[in-house]
Amino acid sequence: MTSYTAPRLTDALERDLLAKAMETEFRFHLLRSIKNFALGIAYFVNSVRTQANARYTY
């Protein structure tokens, strides 16, 4: 008969890991913000271009 013992985290270690995970989750991500800004501008330009093309096709 073999028994499997899973490693158990101490409360302090678990708190530290959770704090680091939450810090990473809520940290400001500059590159992600720049990418989202650029995608927003590209979407806006594309929608304006589409509306302009639709207006001049008739």
N, C-alpha and C. Protein backbone atom coordinates (compact mmCIF):
# COMPACT_ATOMS: atom_id res chain seq x y z
N MET A 1 0.84 -1.17 0.00
CA MET A 1 0.00 0.00 0.00
C MET A 1 0.89 1.25 0.00
N THR A 2 0.67 2.10 -0.93
CA THR A 2 1.43 3.34 -1.01
C THR A 2 0.52 4.50 -0.64
N SER A 3 1.10 5.38 0.08
CA SER A 3 0.31 6.58 0.43
C SER A 3 0.97 7.78 -0.24
N TYR A 4 0.13 8.64 -0.76
CA TYR A 4 0.61 9.84 -1.43
C TYR A 4 0.41 11.01 -0.51
N THR A 5 1.47 11.72 -0.26
CA THR A 5 1.35 12.92 0.58
C THR A 5 1.64 14.12 -0.28
N ALA A 6 0.65 14.96 -0.45
CA ALA A 6 0.81 16.17 -1.24
C ALA A 6 1.55 17.21 -0.41
N PRO A 7 2.39 17.99 -1.05
CA PRO A 7 3.07 19.05 -0.29
C PRO A 7 2.05 20.09 0.18
N ARG A 8 2.21 20.53 1.40
CA ARG A 8 1.29 21.50 1.97
C ARG A 8 2.02 22.82 2.16
N LEU A 9 1.34 23.89 1.82
CA LEU A 9 1.91 25.22 1.98
C LEU A 9 1.64 25.73 3.39
N THR A 10 2.61 26.42 3.90
CA THR A 10 2.37 27.05 5.19
C THR A 10 1.52 28.29 4.96
N ASP A 11 0.89 28.77 6.00
CA ASP A 11 0.04 29.95 5.88
C ASP A 11 0.83 31.16 5.40
N ALA A 12 2.04 31.33 5.93
CA ALA A 12 2.86 32.48 5.55
C ALA A 12 3.24 32.41 4.07
N LEU A 13 3.63 31.23 3.62
CA LEU A 13 4.02 31.06 2.23
C LEU A 13 2.81 31.28 1.32
N GLU A 14 1.68 30.76 1.71
CA GLU A 14 0.46 30.93 0.92
C GLU A 14 0.08 32.41 0.83
N ARG A 15 0.19 33.13 1.95
CA ARG A 15 -0.11 34.57 1.95
C ARG A 15 0.85 35.32 1.04
N ASP A 16 2.14 34.98 1.09
CA ASP A 16 3.13 35.65 0.23
C ASP A 16 2.85 35.40 -1.24
N LEU A 17 2.56 34.15 -1.59
CA LEU A 17 2.26 33.82 -2.98
C LEU A 17 1.00 34.54 -3.46
N LEU A 18 -0.01 34.59 -2.63
CA LEU A 18 -1.25 35.28 -3.01
C LEU A 18 -1.02 36.77 -3.14
N ALA A 19 -0.23 37.37 -2.25
CA ALA A 19 0.07 38.80 -2.34
C ALA A 19 0.83 39.12 -3.62
N LYS A 20 1.80 38.31 -3.97
CA LYS A 20 2.56 38.53 -5.20
C LYS A 20 1.67 38.37 -6.43
N ALA A 21 0.79 37.40 -6.41
CA ALA A 21 -0.11 37.19 -7.55
C ALA A 21 -1.05 38.38 -7.71
N MET A 22 -1.57 38.89 -6.62
CA MET A 22 -2.48 40.03 -6.69
C MET A 22 -1.73 41.29 -7.11
N GLU A 23 -0.50 41.45 -6.66
CA GLU A 23 0.31 42.61 -7.05
C GLU A 23 0.57 42.58 -8.56
N THR A 24 0.88 41.41 -9.08
CA THR A 24 1.11 41.27 -10.51
C THR A 24 -0.17 41.53 -11.30
N GLU A 25 -1.29 41.07 -10.77
CA GLU A 25 -2.58 41.24 -11.46
C GLU A 25 -2.96 42.70 -11.58
N PHE A 26 -2.75 43.49 -10.55
CA PHE A 26 -3.23 44.86 -10.53
C PHE A 26 -2.14 45.89 -10.82
N ARG A 27 -0.95 45.44 -11.22
CA ARG A 27 0.12 46.36 -11.56
C ARG A 27 -0.18 47.00 -12.91
N PHE A 28 0.20 48.26 -13.06
CA PHE A 28 -0.02 48.96 -14.32
C PHE A 28 0.90 48.38 -15.38
N HIS A 29 0.35 48.00 -16.50
CA HIS A 29 1.11 47.40 -17.59
C HIS A 29 1.20 48.41 -18.73
N LEU A 30 2.35 49.05 -18.85
CA LEU A 30 2.54 50.12 -19.82
C LEU A 30 2.38 49.62 -21.26
N LEU A 31 3.03 48.54 -21.60
CA LEU A 31 2.97 48.05 -22.98
C LEU A 31 1.55 47.62 -23.36
N ARG A 32 0.84 47.00 -22.42
CA ARG A 32 -0.54 46.60 -22.69
C ARG A 32 -1.41 47.84 -22.92
N SER A 33 -1.17 48.89 -22.15
CA SER A 33 -1.94 50.13 -22.31
C SER A 33 -1.65 50.79 -23.65
N ILE A 34 -0.39 50.81 -24.05
CA ILE A 34 -0.02 51.39 -25.34
C ILE A 34 -0.65 50.59 -26.48
N LYS A 35 -0.63 49.27 -26.36
CA LYS A 35 -1.23 48.42 -27.39
C LYS A 35 -2.73 48.69 -27.49
N ASN A 36 -3.42 48.76 -26.35
CA ASN A 36 -4.86 49.01 -26.37
C ASN A 36 -5.17 50.38 -26.95
N PHE A 37 -4.35 51.38 -26.65
CA PHE A 37 -4.53 52.72 -27.20
C PHE A 37 -4.37 52.70 -28.72
N ALA A 38 -3.32 52.04 -29.20
CA ALA A 38 -3.07 51.96 -30.64
C ALA A 38 -4.19 51.19 -31.34
N LEU A 39 -4.69 50.13 -30.73
CA LEU A 39 -5.80 49.39 -31.34
C LEU A 39 -7.06 50.24 -31.38
N GLY A 40 -7.29 51.05 -30.36
CA GLY A 40 -8.44 51.94 -30.35
C GLY A 40 -8.36 52.97 -31.46
N ILE A 41 -7.17 53.53 -31.66
CA ILE A 41 -6.99 54.52 -32.75
C ILE A 41 -7.17 53.84 -34.10
N ALA A 42 -6.62 52.64 -34.26
CA ALA A 42 -6.76 51.92 -35.53
C ALA A 42 -8.24 51.60 -35.79
N TYR A 43 -8.96 51.21 -34.77
CA TYR A 43 -10.39 50.92 -34.94
C TYR A 43 -11.14 52.19 -35.35
N PHE A 44 -10.83 53.30 -34.71
CA PHE A 44 -11.48 54.57 -35.04
C PHE A 44 -11.19 54.99 -36.48
N VAL A 45 -9.92 54.92 -36.89
CA VAL A 45 -9.54 55.30 -38.25
C VAL A 45 -10.22 54.39 -39.26
N ASN A 46 -10.27 53.10 -38.96
CA ASN A 46 -10.91 52.16 -39.87
C ASN A 46 -12.41 52.45 -39.99
N SER A 47 -13.07 52.78 -38.89
CA SER A 47 -14.50 53.07 -38.97
C SER A 47 -14.76 54.36 -39.74
N VAL A 48 -13.91 55.37 -39.56
CA VAL A 48 -14.07 56.62 -40.32
C VAL A 48 -13.85 56.36 -41.80
N ARG A 49 -12.84 55.57 -42.12
CA ARG A 49 -12.55 55.24 -43.52
C ARG A 49 -13.71 54.47 -44.14
N THR A 50 -14.28 53.53 -43.40
CA THR A 50 -15.40 52.76 -43.91
C THR A 50 -16.61 53.65 -44.16
N GLN A 51 -16.88 54.57 -43.25
CA GLN A 51 -18.01 55.48 -43.42
C GLN A 51 -17.78 56.41 -44.61
N ALA A 52 -16.56 56.87 -44.79
CA ALA A 52 -16.25 57.75 -45.92
C ALA A 52 -16.40 56.99 -47.23
N ASN A 53 -15.94 55.76 -47.29
CA ASN A 53 -16.08 54.96 -48.51
C ASN A 53 -17.54 54.69 -48.81
N ALA A 54 -18.34 54.42 -47.78
CA ALA A 54 -19.75 54.15 -47.98
C ALA A 54 -20.47 55.41 -48.47
N ARG A 55 -20.06 56.55 -48.02
CA ARG A 55 -20.71 57.80 -48.39
C ARG A 55 -20.44 58.13 -49.86
N TYR A 56 -19.26 57.82 -50.37
CA TYR A 56 -18.89 58.20 -51.74
C TYR A 56 -19.13 57.11 -52.76
N THR A 57 -19.69 55.99 -52.38
CA THR A 57 -19.95 54.92 -53.35
C THR A 57 -21.26 55.13 -54.08
N TYR A 58 -22.14 55.96 -53.56
CA TYR A 58 -23.44 56.20 -54.21
C TYR A 58 -23.39 57.38 -55.12
